[in-house]
Amino acid sequence: MLEQTSSSGPQVDADQENKVWDQARQLLLQSKEPAALQLFREQSKGPFATPAGSYVLVGSLYSSMNRPNDAERCLRKALQMEPTVRGAHTSLGILALQQDNLDKAENEFKAELAIHPNDQSALAELGAIRYQQGRWSDAAALLSSSKTTDPSFLFILCDAYFHLGDVKNANLTAELFVTYSKNQPEAVQGIIDLLNRNQQQDLARKLLHQQPS
């Protein structure tokens, strides 16, 4: 979740971005929330370079630190300051998922998409919910629209395509999954097993042979 949020957060090179998030985390551990907010305001660009946007990022960071009350407080504050701030509803939805509240999560993702119809994280997360509900067509449409490169989402997109009998797109998604799962042999083995279960042994062997020994 944090990686998805941060990818739209500080628009700097990866090393600097990680440094900013690590600094903000340390500030929160030291109970220096105002300093963390200021850090994000100074280092962010785009939709998060606002007071409300910094609250979204701090709320997301609190969520990753298993501090749900602080996370929700910051995210609600962001919405109070700017009702259309990007990412707040998505982060609240992810927080609800962490608390096993599927209905609340779905409502939050829908709220995000009502404001930002192309929000990639909200599309992917709502697609994952549709997948859990066995609504394969809806799941595939949402996950595909999200243009996700997250292996966990790509895996369920591949499986959804198989459920729909769309072998071509399932295989293409499997290849994309492997591309974004470098140096993750257990993850790659999972997609290979999925291919074998769906009688795609040729592609499974091809992807297996592409892996470093």
Protein backbone atom coordinates (compact mmCIF):
# COMPACT_ATOMS: atom_id res chain seq x y z
CA MET A 1 0.00 0.00 0.00
CA LEU A 2 2.73 2.44 0.99
CA GLU A 3 4.63 1.77 -2.23
CA GLN A 4 1.53 2.57 -4.25
CA THR A 5 0.99 5.82 -2.40
CA SER A 6 4.62 6.83 -2.49
CA SER A 7 4.76 6.29 -6.24
CA SER A 8 2.45 9.28 -6.51
CA GLY A 9 4.12 11.13 -3.67
CA PRO A 10 7.58 12.70 -3.63
CA GLN A 11 8.52 12.94 -7.30
CA VAL A 12 12.25 12.52 -6.95
CA ASP A 13 14.61 9.70 -7.77
CA ALA A 14 14.03 6.39 -5.99
CA ASP A 15 16.88 6.74 -3.50
CA GLN A 16 15.84 10.21 -2.48
CA GLU A 17 12.20 9.12 -2.24
CA ASN A 18 13.10 6.27 0.08
CA LYS A 19 15.20 8.66 2.13
CA VAL A 20 12.27 11.03 2.55
CA TRP A 21 9.94 8.25 3.66
CA ASP A 22 12.53 6.92 6.10
CA GLN A 23 13.03 10.40 7.55
CA ALA A 24 9.29 10.89 7.91
CA ARG A 25 8.95 7.51 9.61
CA GLN A 26 11.64 8.41 12.13
CA LEU A 27 9.94 11.72 12.85
CA LEU A 28 6.64 9.95 13.53
CA LEU A 29 8.39 7.46 15.81
CA GLN A 30 9.68 10.47 17.73
CA SER A 31 6.15 11.94 17.94
CA LYS A 32 7.13 14.78 15.62
CA GLU A 33 4.13 14.69 13.31
CA PRO A 34 4.27 18.43 12.37
CA ALA A 35 7.85 17.95 11.19
CA ALA A 36 6.86 14.92 9.09
CA LEU A 37 4.04 16.93 7.52
CA GLN A 38 6.44 19.76 6.74
CA LEU A 39 8.94 17.33 5.24
CA PHE A 40 6.35 15.94 2.84
CA ARG A 41 5.14 19.43 1.89
CA GLU A 42 8.69 20.45 1.02
CA GLN A 43 9.67 17.29 -0.85
CA SER A 44 6.46 16.48 -2.74
CA LYS A 45 5.29 17.68 -6.11
CA GLY A 46 1.97 17.45 -7.90
CA PRO A 47 -1.25 16.69 -5.97
CA PHE A 48 0.56 15.91 -2.72
CA ALA A 49 2.46 19.21 -2.52
CA THR A 50 -0.35 20.74 -0.46
CA PRO A 51 -1.19 20.80 3.24
CA ALA A 52 -3.97 18.26 2.66
CA GLY A 53 -1.71 16.10 0.50
CA SER A 54 0.91 15.92 3.22
CA TYR A 55 -1.76 14.63 5.61
CA VAL A 56 -2.59 11.88 3.10
CA LEU A 57 1.05 10.80 2.99
CA VAL A 58 1.48 10.89 6.76
CA GLY A 59 -1.78 8.96 7.15
CA SER A 60 -0.54 6.32 4.73
CA LEU A 61 2.74 6.12 6.63
CA TYR A 62 0.91 5.69 9.94
CA SER A 63 -1.08 2.88 8.33
CA SER A 64 2.12 1.07 7.34
CA MET A 65 3.34 1.48 10.94
CA ASN A 66 0.22 -0.31 12.24
CA ARG A 67 -1.17 2.84 13.83
CA PRO A 68 -4.69 2.81 12.37
CA ASN A 69 -6.16 5.46 14.67
CA ASP A 70 -3.49 7.99 13.76
CA ALA A 71 -3.81 6.98 10.10
CA GLU A 72 -7.56 7.59 10.00
CA ARG A 73 -7.24 10.85 11.93
CA CYS A 74 -4.78 12.24 9.37
CA LEU A 75 -6.74 11.01 6.38
CA ARG A 76 -10.00 12.47 7.72
CA LYS A 77 -8.13 15.73 8.37
CA ALA A 78 -6.96 15.74 4.76
CA LEU A 79 -10.54 15.36 3.52
CA GLN A 80 -11.73 18.07 5.87
CA MET A 81 -9.10 20.45 4.50
CA GLU A 82 -9.63 19.48 0.85
CA PRO A 83 -12.57 17.14 0.06
CA THR A 84 -11.16 16.30 -3.37
CA VAL A 85 -7.60 15.57 -2.23
CA ARG A 86 -6.17 12.63 -4.15
CA GLY A 87 -5.56 9.37 -2.35
CA ALA A 88 -7.33 9.98 0.95
CA HIS A 89 -10.32 7.74 0.23
CA THR A 90 -8.05 5.10 -1.30
CA SER A 91 -5.88 5.05 1.80
CA LEU A 92 -8.97 4.86 4.02
CA GLY A 93 -10.15 1.92 1.92
CA ILE A 94 -6.86 0.11 2.33
CA LEU A 95 -7.03 0.80 6.06
CA ALA A 96 -10.52 -0.73 6.12
CA LEU A 97 -9.18 -3.81 4.31
CA GLN A 98 -6.53 -4.18 7.00
CA GLN A 99 -9.38 -4.21 9.51
CA ASP A 100 -11.36 -6.79 7.47
CA ASN A 101 -14.14 -4.30 6.74
CA LEU A 102 -14.82 -5.11 3.10
CA ASP A 103 -17.97 -3.00 2.77
CA LYS A 104 -16.30 0.12 4.14
CA ALA A 105 -13.27 -0.47 1.91
CA GLU A 106 -15.45 -0.77 -1.18
CA ASN A 107 -17.28 2.45 -0.35
CA GLU A 108 -14.01 4.32 0.09
CA PHE A 109 -12.60 3.09 -3.22
CA LYS A 110 -15.83 4.08 -4.96
CA ALA A 111 -15.63 7.50 -3.33
CA GLU A 112 -12.09 7.96 -4.65
CA LEU A 113 -13.13 6.94 -8.15
CA ALA A 114 -16.09 9.31 -8.06
CA ILE A 115 -13.58 12.14 -7.65
CA HIS A 116 -10.65 10.69 -9.60
CA PRO A 117 -12.02 8.11 -12.09
CA ASN A 118 -8.55 7.04 -13.22
CA ASP A 119 -6.97 6.58 -9.80
CA GLN A 120 -4.83 3.50 -10.37
CA SER A 121 -4.68 2.32 -6.77
CA ALA A 122 -8.44 2.61 -6.23
CA LEU A 123 -9.15 0.77 -9.49
CA ALA A 124 -6.77 -2.06 -8.56
CA GLU A 125 -8.04 -2.37 -5.00
CA LEU A 126 -11.69 -2.41 -6.10
CA GLY A 127 -10.75 -4.99 -8.72
CA ALA A 128 -9.25 -7.15 -6.00
CA ILE A 129 -12.51 -6.94 -4.06
CA ARG A 130 -14.47 -7.99 -7.14
CA TYR A 131 -12.05 -10.90 -7.53
CA GLN A 132 -12.74 -12.01 -3.94
CA GLN A 133 -16.46 -11.84 -4.75
CA GLY A 134 -15.98 -14.09 -7.77
CA ARG A 135 -17.04 -11.34 -10.15
CA TRP A 136 -14.37 -12.22 -12.70
CA SER A 137 -15.42 -9.88 -15.50
CA ASP A 138 -15.62 -6.84 -13.23
CA ALA A 139 -12.34 -7.78 -11.57
CA ALA A 140 -10.54 -8.12 -14.89
CA ALA A 141 -11.93 -4.84 -16.22
CA LEU A 142 -10.91 -2.87 -13.12
CA LEU A 143 -7.49 -4.43 -12.73
CA SER A 144 -6.71 -4.00 -16.41
CA SER A 145 -7.85 -0.37 -16.32
CA SER A 146 -5.55 0.29 -13.37
CA LYS A 147 -2.50 -0.53 -15.50
CA THR A 148 -1.05 -2.10 -12.37
CA THR A 149 2.49 -3.45 -12.30
CA ASP A 150 2.09 -4.83 -8.78
CA PRO A 151 2.70 -8.61 -8.93
CA SER A 152 -0.01 -9.39 -6.39
CA PHE A 153 -2.61 -7.64 -8.54
CA LEU A 154 -1.22 -9.12 -11.76
CA PHE A 155 -1.55 -12.61 -10.30
CA ILE A 156 -5.25 -12.25 -9.57
CA LEU A 157 -5.79 -10.53 -12.93
CA CYS A 158 -4.23 -13.55 -14.63
CA ASP A 159 -6.45 -15.91 -12.66
CA ALA A 160 -9.54 -13.82 -13.41
CA TYR A 161 -8.79 -14.08 -17.13
CA PHE A 162 -8.49 -17.85 -16.79
CA HIS A 163 -11.88 -17.96 -15.05
CA LEU A 164 -13.30 -16.03 -18.01
CA GLY A 165 -11.72 -18.41 -20.50
CA ASP A 166 -9.57 -15.58 -21.89
CA VAL A 167 -6.37 -17.60 -22.23
CA LYS A 168 -4.61 -15.07 -24.47
CA ASN A 169 -4.84 -12.23 -21.95
CA ALA A 170 -4.14 -14.59 -19.06
CA ASN A 171 -0.88 -15.65 -20.70
CA LEU A 172 0.10 -12.08 -21.51
CA THR A 173 -0.54 -11.12 -17.90
CA ALA A 174 1.54 -14.05 -16.69
CA GLU A 175 4.47 -12.84 -18.77
CA LEU A 176 4.00 -9.33 -17.41
CA PHE A 177 3.90 -10.76 -13.88
CA VAL A 178 7.29 -12.40 -14.39
CA THR A 179 8.74 -9.16 -15.75
CA TYR A 180 7.80 -7.37 -12.53
CA SER A 181 8.78 -10.25 -10.23
CA LYS A 182 12.50 -10.37 -10.87
CA ASN A 183 14.50 -11.97 -8.06
CA GLN A 184 11.30 -13.33 -6.50
CA PRO A 185 11.50 -17.07 -7.29
CA GLU A 186 8.62 -18.02 -4.97
CA ALA A 187 6.32 -15.53 -6.68
CA VAL A 188 7.35 -16.76 -10.13
CA GLN A 189 6.74 -20.35 -9.06
CA GLY A 190 3.23 -19.34 -8.05
CA ILE A 191 2.39 -18.04 -11.52
CA ILE A 192 3.98 -21.11 -13.11
CA ASP A 193 1.77 -23.34 -10.95
CA LEU A 194 -1.24 -21.29 -12.03
CA LEU A 195 -0.31 -21.76 -15.68
CA ASN A 196 0.12 -25.50 -15.24
CA ARG A 197 -3.27 -25.78 -13.53
CA ASN A 198 -4.79 -24.14 -16.59
CA GLN A 199 -3.05 -26.40 -19.13
CA GLN A 200 -0.51 -23.79 -20.22
CA GLN A 201 2.54 -26.00 -19.77
CA ASP A 202 4.48 -24.60 -22.75
CA LEU A 203 4.40 -21.06 -21.41
CA ALA A 204 5.12 -22.31 -17.90
CA ARG A 205 8.28 -24.05 -19.12
CA LYS A 206 9.32 -21.00 -21.12
CA LEU A 207 8.98 -18.68 -18.13
CA LEU A 208 10.73 -21.15 -15.85
CA HIS A 209 13.71 -21.39 -18.19
CA GLN A 210 13.96 -17.58 -18.27
CA GLN A 211 14.64 -17.48 -14.54
CA PRO A 212 18.24 -17.08 -13.33
CA SER A 213 19.75 -20.28 -12.00
